[in-house]
Amino acid sequence: NTFKESYASIFGGGNTQDKLEAIGEQLWLN
């Protein structure tokens, strides 16, 4: 839950680029 909460602000109100960056980083880590 702590891990998921670290992204809550991005997907709760962040801009498109912030969301794409978060997704791209997680794909890379995956």
Full PDB file with SEQRES, HELIX, SHEET, SSBOND, CRYST1, ORIGX, SCALE, CONECT and MASTER records, all heavy atoms in Angstrom:
SEQRES   1 A   30  ASN THR PHE LYS GLU SER TYR ALA SER ILE PHE GLY GLY          
SEQRES   2 A   30  GLY ASN THR GLN ASP LYS LEU GLU ALA ILE GLY GLU GLN          
SEQRES   3 A   30  LEU TRP LEU ASN                                              
HELIX    1 AA1 THR A    2  GLU A    5  1                                   4    
HELIX    2 AA2 ALA A    8  GLY A   13  1                                   6    
HELIX    3 AA3 THR A   16  LEU A   29  1                                  14    
CRYST1    1.000    1.000    1.000  90.00  90.00  90.00 P 1           1          
ORIGX1      1.000000  0.000000  0.000000        0.00000                         
ORIGX2      0.000000  1.000000  0.000000        0.00000                         
ORIGX3      0.000000  0.000000  1.000000        0.00000                         
SCALE1      1.000000  0.000000  0.000000        0.00000                         
SCALE2      0.000000  1.000000  0.000000        0.00000                         
SCALE3      0.000000  0.000000  1.000000        0.00000                         
ATOM      1  N   ASN A   1       0.825  -1.209   0.000  1.00  0.00           N  
ATOM      2  CA  ASN A   1       0.000   0.000   0.000  1.00  0.00           C  
ATOM      3  C   ASN A   1       0.859   1.260   0.000  1.00  0.00           C  
ATOM      4  O   ASN A   1       0.526   2.256  -0.665  1.00  0.00           O  
ATOM      5  CB  ASN A   1      -0.942   0.000   1.204  1.00  0.00           C  
ATOM      6  CG  ASN A   1      -2.070  -1.010   1.058  1.00  0.00           C  
ATOM      7  OD1 ASN A   1      -2.416  -1.407  -0.050  1.00  0.00           O  
ATOM      8  ND2 ASN A   1      -2.652  -1.427   2.173  1.00  0.00           N  
ATOM      9  N   THR A   2       1.974   1.223   0.729  1.00  0.00           N  
ATOM     10  CA  THR A   2       2.893   2.368   0.731  1.00  0.00           C  
ATOM     11  C   THR A   2       3.456   2.601  -0.659  1.00  0.00           C  
ATOM     12  O   THR A   2       3.590   3.752  -1.113  1.00  0.00           O  
ATOM     13  CB  THR A   2       4.035   2.127   1.733  1.00  0.00           C  
ATOM     14  OG1 THR A   2       3.494   1.957   3.041  1.00  0.00           O  
ATOM     15  CG2 THR A   2       5.010   3.300   1.742  1.00  0.00           C  
ATOM     16  N   PHE A   3       3.790   1.531  -1.329  1.00  0.00           N  
ATOM     17  CA  PHE A   3       4.280   1.603  -2.708  1.00  0.00           C  
ATOM     18  C   PHE A   3       3.238   2.245  -3.617  1.00  0.00           C  
ATOM     19  O   PHE A   3       3.522   3.184  -4.368  1.00  0.00           O  
ATOM     20  CB  PHE A   3       4.634   0.192  -3.175  1.00  0.00           C  
ATOM     21  CG  PHE A   3       5.137   0.062  -4.581  1.00  0.00           C  
ATOM     22  CD1 PHE A   3       5.909   1.039  -5.182  1.00  0.00           C  
ATOM     23  CD2 PHE A   3       4.843  -1.089  -5.323  1.00  0.00           C  
ATOM     24  CE1 PHE A   3       6.381   0.894  -6.485  1.00  0.00           C  
ATOM     25  CE2 PHE A   3       5.307  -1.252  -6.614  1.00  0.00           C  
ATOM     26  CZ  PHE A   3       6.077  -0.248  -7.201  1.00  0.00           C  
ATOM     27  N   LYS A   4       2.015   1.785  -3.545  1.00  0.00           N  
ATOM     28  CA  LYS A   4       0.943   2.311  -4.384  1.00  0.00           C  
ATOM     29  C   LYS A   4       0.646   3.772  -4.049  1.00  0.00           C  
ATOM     30  O   LYS A   4       0.387   4.588  -4.940  1.00  0.00           O  
ATOM     31  CB  LYS A   4      -0.308   1.455  -4.232  1.00  0.00           C  
ATOM     32  CG  LYS A   4      -0.157   0.051  -4.812  1.00  0.00           C  
ATOM     33  CD  LYS A   4      -1.235  -0.902  -4.334  1.00  0.00           C  
ATOM     34  CE  LYS A   4      -2.607  -0.506  -4.806  1.00  0.00           C  
ATOM     35  NZ  LYS A   4      -3.620  -1.497  -4.379  1.00  0.00           N  
ATOM     36  N   GLU A   5       0.717   4.115  -2.786  1.00  0.00           N  
ATOM     37  CA  GLU A   5       0.416   5.490  -2.376  1.00  0.00           C  
ATOM     38  C   GLU A   5       1.443   6.482  -2.903  1.00  0.00           C  
ATOM     39  O   GLU A   5       1.137   7.673  -3.050  1.00  0.00           O  
ATOM     40  CB  GLU A   5       0.350   5.557  -0.849  1.00  0.00           C  
ATOM     41  CG  GLU A   5      -0.908   4.922  -0.265  1.00  0.00           C  
ATOM     42  CD  GLU A   5      -0.819   4.709   1.237  1.00  0.00           C  
ATOM     43  OE1 GLU A   5       0.191   5.164   1.840  1.00  0.00           O  
ATOM     44  OE2 GLU A   5      -1.729   4.083   1.807  1.00  0.00           O  
ATOM     45  N   SER A   6       2.639   6.007  -3.209  1.00  0.00           N  
ATOM     46  CA  SER A   6       3.664   6.912  -3.735  1.00  0.00           C  
ATOM     47  C   SER A   6       3.284   7.452  -5.109  1.00  0.00           C  
ATOM     48  O   SER A   6       3.855   8.445  -5.563  1.00  0.00           O  
ATOM     49  CB  SER A   6       5.017   6.203  -3.797  1.00  0.00           C  
ATOM     50  OG  SER A   6       5.011   5.166  -4.764  1.00  0.00           O  
ATOM     51  N   TYR A   7       2.314   6.801  -5.761  1.00  0.00           N  
ATOM     52  CA  TYR A   7       1.856   7.263  -7.072  1.00  0.00           C  
ATOM     53  C   TYR A   7       0.454   7.874  -7.032  1.00  0.00           C  
ATOM     54  O   TYR A   7      -0.078   8.275  -8.061  1.00  0.00           O  
ATOM     55  CB  TYR A   7       1.853   6.095  -8.066  1.00  0.00           C  
ATOM     56  CG  TYR A   7       3.235   5.661  -8.500  1.00  0.00           C  
ATOM     57  CD1 TYR A   7       3.863   4.572  -7.906  1.00  0.00           C  
ATOM     58  CD2 TYR A   7       3.910   6.363  -9.499  1.00  0.00           C  
ATOM     59  CE1 TYR A   7       5.126   4.176  -8.312  1.00  0.00           C  
ATOM     60  CE2 TYR A   7       5.174   5.975  -9.904  1.00  0.00           C  
ATOM     61  CZ  TYR A   7       5.784   4.878  -9.302  1.00  0.00           C  
ATOM     62  OH  TYR A   7       7.047   4.498  -9.702  1.00  0.00           O  
ATOM     63  N   ALA A   8      -0.139   7.932  -5.844  1.00  0.00           N  
ATOM     64  CA  ALA A   8      -1.522   8.387  -5.737  1.00  0.00           C  
ATOM     65  C   ALA A   8      -1.707   9.809  -6.255  1.00  0.00           C  
ATOM     66  O   ALA A   8      -2.698  10.104  -6.947  1.00  0.00           O  
ATOM     67  CB  ALA A   8      -1.987   8.278  -4.287  1.00  0.00           C  
ATOM     68  N   SER A   9      -0.780  10.698  -5.937  1.00  0.00           N  
ATOM     69  CA  SER A   9      -0.948  12.093  -6.353  1.00  0.00           C  
ATOM     70  C   SER A   9      -0.832  12.249  -7.868  1.00  0.00           C  
ATOM     71  O   SER A   9      -1.502  13.100  -8.458  1.00  0.00           O  
ATOM     72  CB  SER A   9       0.102  12.976  -5.662  1.00  0.00           C  
ATOM     73  OG  SER A   9       1.417  12.568  -6.026  1.00  0.00           O  
ATOM     74  N   ILE A  10      -0.019  11.400  -8.508  1.00  0.00           N  
ATOM     75  CA  ILE A  10       0.151  11.490  -9.956  1.00  0.00           C  
ATOM     76  C   ILE A  10      -1.131  11.087 -10.665  1.00  0.00           C  
ATOM     77  O   ILE A  10      -1.598  11.780 -11.575  1.00  0.00           O  
ATOM     78  CB  ILE A  10       1.322  10.604 -10.421  1.00  0.00           C  
ATOM     79  CG1 ILE A  10       2.641  11.137  -9.884  1.00  0.00           C  
ATOM     80  CG2 ILE A  10       1.362  10.508 -11.953  1.00  0.00           C  
ATOM     81  CD1 ILE A  10       3.844  10.276 -10.207  1.00  0.00           C  
ATOM     82  N   PHE A  11      -1.723   9.980 -10.228  1.00  0.00           N  
ATOM     83  CA  PHE A  11      -2.923   9.505 -10.916  1.00  0.00           C  
ATOM     84  C   PHE A  11      -4.198  10.101 -10.342  1.00  0.00           C  
ATOM     85  O   PHE A  11      -5.265   9.981 -10.931  1.00  0.00           O  
ATOM     86  CB  PHE A  11      -2.964   7.973 -10.892  1.00  0.00           C  
ATOM     87  CG  PHE A  11      -2.001   7.363 -11.853  1.00  0.00           C  
ATOM     88  CD1 PHE A  11      -0.701   7.068 -11.465  1.00  0.00           C  
ATOM     89  CD2 PHE A  11      -2.361   7.126 -13.171  1.00  0.00           C  
ATOM     90  CE1 PHE A  11       0.214   6.533 -12.364  1.00  0.00           C  
ATOM     91  CE2 PHE A  11      -1.460   6.588 -14.080  1.00  0.00           C  
ATOM     92  CZ  PHE A  11      -0.172   6.294 -13.673  1.00  0.00           C  
ATOM     93  N   GLY A  12      -4.065  10.786  -9.203  1.00  0.00           N  
ATOM     94  CA  GLY A  12      -5.222  11.459  -8.645  1.00  0.00           C  
ATOM     95  C   GLY A  12      -5.417  12.850  -9.195  1.00  0.00           C  
ATOM     96  O   GLY A  12      -6.505  13.422  -9.084  1.00  0.00           O  
ATOM     97  N   GLY A  13      -4.360  13.412  -9.795  1.00  0.00           N  
ATOM     98  CA  GLY A  13      -4.504  14.772 -10.327  1.00  0.00           C  
ATOM     99  C   GLY A  13      -3.321  15.250 -11.133  1.00  0.00           C  
ATOM    100  O   GLY A  13      -3.251  16.428 -11.494  1.00  0.00           O  
ATOM    101  N   GLY A  14      -2.379  14.361 -11.401  1.00  0.00           N  
ATOM    102  CA  GLY A  14      -1.203  14.750 -12.165  1.00  0.00           C  
ATOM    103  C   GLY A  14      -1.517  14.983 -13.630  1.00  0.00           C  
ATOM    104  O   GLY A  14      -2.588  14.631 -14.124  1.00  0.00           O  
ATOM    105  N   ASN A  15      -0.563  15.581 -14.339  1.00  0.00           N  
ATOM    106  CA  ASN A  15      -0.778  15.838 -15.762  1.00  0.00           C  
ATOM    107  C   ASN A  15      -0.437  14.595 -16.590  1.00  0.00           C  
ATOM    108  O   ASN A  15       0.088  13.608 -16.077  1.00  0.00           O  
ATOM    109  CB  ASN A  15       0.030  17.057 -16.230  1.00  0.00           C  
ATOM    110  CG  ASN A  15       1.524  16.893 -16.029  1.00  0.00           C  
ATOM    111  OD1 ASN A  15       2.087  15.823 -16.285  1.00  0.00           O  
ATOM    112  ND2 ASN A  15       2.189  17.939 -15.567  1.00  0.00           N  
ATOM    113  N   THR A  16      -0.760  14.676 -17.869  1.00  0.00           N  
ATOM    114  CA  THR A  16      -0.571  13.524 -18.753  1.00  0.00           C  
ATOM    115  C   THR A  16       0.880  13.077 -18.794  1.00  0.00           C  
ATOM    116  O   THR A  16       1.168  11.872 -18.742  1.00  0.00           O  
ATOM    117  CB  THR A  16      -1.061  13.868 -20.170  1.00  0.00           C  
ATOM    118  OG1 THR A  16      -2.468  14.112 -20.128  1.00  0.00           O  
ATOM    119  CG2 THR A  16      -0.777  12.734 -21.136  1.00  0.00           C  
ATOM    120  N   GLN A  17       1.802  14.028 -18.871  1.00  0.00           N  
ATOM    121  CA  GLN A  17       3.209  13.652 -18.983  1.00  0.00           C  
ATOM    122  C   GLN A  17       3.704  12.958 -17.729  1.00  0.00           C  
ATOM    123  O   GLN A  17       4.483  11.998 -17.801  1.00  0.00           O  
ATOM    124  CB  GLN A  17       4.059  14.897 -19.272  1.00  0.00           C  
ATOM    125  CG  GLN A  17       5.329  14.601 -20.062  1.00  0.00           C  
ATOM    126  CD  GLN A  17       5.052  13.906 -21.389  1.00  0.00           C  
ATOM    127  OE1 GLN A  17       4.153  14.293 -22.136  1.00  0.00           O  
ATOM    128  NE2 GLN A  17       5.806  12.853 -21.677  1.00  0.00           N  
ATOM    129  N   ASP A  18       3.242  13.416 -16.562  1.00  0.00           N  
ATOM    130  CA  ASP A  18       3.652  12.756 -15.317  1.00  0.00           C  
ATOM    131  C   ASP A  18       3.165  11.307 -15.290  1.00  0.00           C  
ATOM    132  O   ASP A  18       3.868  10.405 -14.824  1.00  0.00           O  
ATOM    133  CB  ASP A  18       3.081  13.509 -14.115  1.00  0.00           C  
ATOM    134  CG  ASP A  18       3.780  14.836 -13.882  1.00  0.00           C  
ATOM    135  OD1 ASP A  18       4.904  15.013 -14.392  1.00  0.00           O  
ATOM    136  OD2 ASP A  18       3.198  15.700 -13.190  1.00  0.00           O  
ATOM    137  N   LYS A  19       1.957  11.090 -15.782  1.00  0.00           N  
ATOM    138  CA  LYS A  19       1.405   9.733 -15.806  1.00  0.00           C  
ATOM    139  C   LYS A  19       2.177   8.849 -16.776  1.00  0.00           C  
ATOM    140  O   LYS A  19       2.505   7.699 -16.459  1.00  0.00           O  
ATOM    141  CB  LYS A  19      -0.077   9.777 -16.182  1.00  0.00           C  
ATOM    142  CG  LYS A  19      -0.950  10.448 -15.141  1.00  0.00           C  
ATOM    143  CD  LYS A  19      -2.387  10.609 -15.622  1.00  0.00           C  
ATOM    144  CE  LYS A  19      -3.217  11.351 -14.584  1.00  0.00           C  
ATOM    145  NZ  LYS A  19      -4.599  11.613 -15.046  1.00  0.00           N  
ATOM    146  N   LEU A  20       2.485   9.384 -17.958  1.00  0.00           N  
ATOM    147  CA  LEU A  20       3.255   8.607 -18.929  1.00  0.00           C  
ATOM    148  C   LEU A  20       4.645   8.294 -18.401  1.00  0.00           C  
ATOM    149  O   LEU A  20       5.179   7.193 -18.631  1.00  0.00           O  
ATOM    150  CB  LEU A  20       3.346   9.358 -20.259  1.00  0.00           C  
ATOM    151  CG  LEU A  20       2.049   9.478 -21.066  1.00  0.00           C  
ATOM    152  CD1 LEU A  20       2.269  10.340 -22.312  1.00  0.00           C  
ATOM    153  CD2 LEU A  20       1.511   8.106 -21.466  1.00  0.00           C  
ATOM    154  N   GLU A  21       5.232   9.233 -17.673  1.00  0.00           N  
ATOM    155  CA  GLU A  21       6.553   8.984 -17.096  1.00  0.00           C  
ATOM    156  C   GLU A  21       6.484   7.878 -16.047  1.00  0.00           C  
ATOM    157  O   GLU A  21       7.333   6.975 -16.030  1.00  0.00           O  
ATOM    158  CB  GLU A  21       7.106  10.258 -16.463  1.00  0.00           C  
ATOM    159  CG  GLU A  21       8.490  10.073 -15.860  1.00  0.00           C  
ATOM    160  CD  GLU A  21       9.124  11.364 -15.409  1.00  0.00           C  
ATOM    161  OE1 GLU A  21       8.424  12.398 -15.360  1.00  0.00           O  
ATOM    162  OE2 GLU A  21      10.337  11.361 -15.110  1.00  0.00           O  
ATOM    163  N   ALA A  22       5.480   7.918 -15.182  1.00  0.00           N  
ATOM    164  CA  ALA A  22       5.337   6.888 -14.159  1.00  0.00           C  
ATOM    165  C   ALA A  22       5.140   5.516 -14.793  1.00  0.00           C  
ATOM    166  O   ALA A  22       5.743   4.516 -14.363  1.00  0.00           O  
ATOM    167  CB  ALA A  22       4.154   7.219 -13.245  1.00  0.00           C  
ATOM    168  N   ILE A  23       4.322   5.448 -15.834  1.00  0.00           N  
ATOM    169  CA  ILE A  23       4.076   4.176 -16.522  1.00  0.00           C  
ATOM    170  C   ILE A  23       5.342   3.685 -17.210  1.00  0.00           C  
ATOM    171  O   ILE A  23       5.707   2.510 -17.112  1.00  0.00           O  
ATOM    172  CB  ILE A  23       2.927   4.329 -17.535  1.00  0.00           C  
ATOM    173  CG1 ILE A  23       1.612   4.620 -16.810  1.00  0.00           C  
ATOM    174  CG2 ILE A  23       2.804   3.081 -18.405  1.00  0.00           C  
ATOM    175  CD1 ILE A  23       0.503   5.103 -17.728  1.00  0.00           C  
ATOM    176  N   GLY A  24       6.025   4.597 -17.895  1.00  0.00           N  
ATOM    177  CA  GLY A  24       7.259   4.217 -18.589  1.00  0.00           C  
ATOM    178  C   GLY A  24       8.319   3.703 -17.632  1.00  0.00           C  
ATOM    179  O   GLY A  24       9.017   2.731 -17.919  1.00  0.00           O  
ATOM    180  N   GLU A  25       8.432   4.338 -16.473  1.00  0.00           N  
ATOM    181  CA  GLU A  25       9.411   3.886 -15.480  1.00  0.00           C  
ATOM    182  C   GLU A  25       9.054   2.508 -14.939  1.00  0.00           C  
ATOM    183  O   GLU A  25       9.932   1.661 -14.735  1.00  0.00           O  
ATOM    184  CB  GLU A  25       9.478   4.903 -14.342  1.00  0.00           C  
ATOM    185  CG  GLU A  25      10.153   6.209 -14.738  1.00  0.00           C  
ATOM    186  CD  GLU A  25      10.114   7.252 -13.641  1.00  0.00           C  
ATOM    187  OE1 GLU A  25       9.337   7.098 -12.675  1.00  0.00           O  
ATOM    188  OE2 GLU A  25      10.874   8.245 -13.743  1.00  0.00           O  
ATOM    189  N   GLN A  26       7.766   2.265 -14.715  1.00  0.00           N  
ATOM    190  CA  GLN A  26       7.366   0.963 -14.196  1.00  0.00           C  
ATOM    191  C   GLN A  26       7.504  -0.142 -15.243  1.00  0.00           C  
ATOM    192  O   GLN A  26       7.836  -1.283 -14.904  1.00  0.00           O  
ATOM    193  CB  GLN A  26       5.947   1.022 -13.646  1.00  0.00           C  
ATOM    194  CG  GLN A  26       5.859   1.680 -12.284  1.00  0.00           C  
ATOM    195  CD  GLN A  26       6.725   0.987 -11.243  1.00  0.00           C  
ATOM    196  OE1 GLN A  26       6.765  -0.245 -11.163  1.00  0.00           O  
ATOM    197  NE2 GLN A  26       7.427   1.767 -10.433  1.00  0.00           N  
ATOM    198  N   LEU A  27       7.249   0.174 -16.499  1.00  0.00           N  
ATOM    199  CA  LEU A  27       7.512  -0.813 -17.552  1.00  0.00           C  
ATOM    200  C   LEU A  27       8.992  -1.191 -17.562  1.00  0.00           C  
ATOM    201  O   LEU A  27       9.354  -2.367 -17.642  1.00  0.00           O  
ATOM    202  CB  LEU A  27       7.099  -0.250 -18.918  1.00  0.00           C  
ATOM    203  CG  LEU A  27       5.611  -0.289 -19.249  1.00  0.00           C  
ATOM    204  CD1 LEU A  27       5.315   0.587 -20.470  1.00  0.00           C  
ATOM    205  CD2 LEU A  27       5.148  -1.717 -19.521  1.00  0.00           C  
ATOM    206  N   TRP A  28       9.837  -0.192 -17.467  1.00  0.00           N  
ATOM    207  CA  TRP A  28      11.294  -0.397 -17.467  1.00  0.00           C  
ATOM    208  C   TRP A  28      11.701  -1.280 -16.294  1.00  0.00           C  
ATOM    209  O   TRP A  28      12.486  -2.237 -16.460  1.00  0.00           O  
ATOM    210  CB  TRP A  28      11.966   0.968 -17.396  1.00  0.00           C  
ATOM    211  CG  TRP A  28      13.450   1.016 -17.352  1.00  0.00           C  
ATOM    212  CD1 TRP A  28      14.320   0.822 -18.389  1.00  0.00           C  
ATOM    213  CD2 TRP A  28      14.259   1.347 -16.205  1.00  0.00           C  
ATOM    214  NE1 TRP A  28      15.621   1.009 -17.965  1.00  0.00           N  
ATOM    215  CE2 TRP A  28      15.608   1.335 -16.635  1.00  0.00           C  
ATOM    216  CE3 TRP A  28      13.973   1.667 -14.882  1.00  0.00           C  
ATOM    217  CZ2 TRP A  28      16.668   1.616 -15.770  1.00  0.00           C  
ATOM    218  CZ3 TRP A  28      15.030   1.947 -14.010  1.00  0.00           C  
ATOM    219  CH2 TRP A  28      16.358   1.915 -14.458  1.00  0.00           C  
ATOM    220  N   LEU A  29      11.187  -1.004 -15.107  1.00  0.00           N  
ATOM    221  CA  LEU A  29      11.514  -1.822 -13.944  1.00  0.00           C  
ATOM    222  C   LEU A  29      10.967  -3.240 -14.081  1.00  0.00           C  
ATOM    223  O   LEU A  29      11.596  -4.210 -13.650  1.00  0.00           O  
ATOM    224  CB  LEU A  29      10.947  -1.185 -12.670  1.00  0.00           C  
ATOM    225  CG  LEU A  29      11.650   0.072 -12.166  1.00  0.00           C  
ATOM    226  CD1 LEU A  29      10.854   0.704 -11.029  1.00  0.00           C  
ATOM    227  CD2 LEU A  29      13.064  -0.243 -11.705  1.00  0.00           C  
ATOM    228  N   ASN A  30       9.794  -3.354 -14.682  1.00  0.00           N  
ATOM    229  CA  ASN A  30       9.182  -4.668 -14.859  1.00  0.00           C  
ATOM    230  C   ASN A  30      10.037  -5.586 -15.715  1.00  0.00           C  
ATOM    231  O   ASN A  30       9.936  -6.806 -15.610  1.00  0.00           O  
ATOM    232  CB  ASN A  30       7.795  -4.502 -15.500  1.00  0.00           C  
ATOM    233  CG  ASN A  30       7.026  -5.803 -15.592  1.00  0.00           C  
ATOM    234  OD1 ASN A  30       6.689  -6.405 -14.582  1.00  0.00           O  
ATOM    235  ND2 ASN A  30       6.753  -6.243 -16.810  1.00  0.00           N  
TER     236      ASN A  30                                                      
MASTER        0    0    0    3    0    0    0    6  235    1    0    3          
END                                                                             
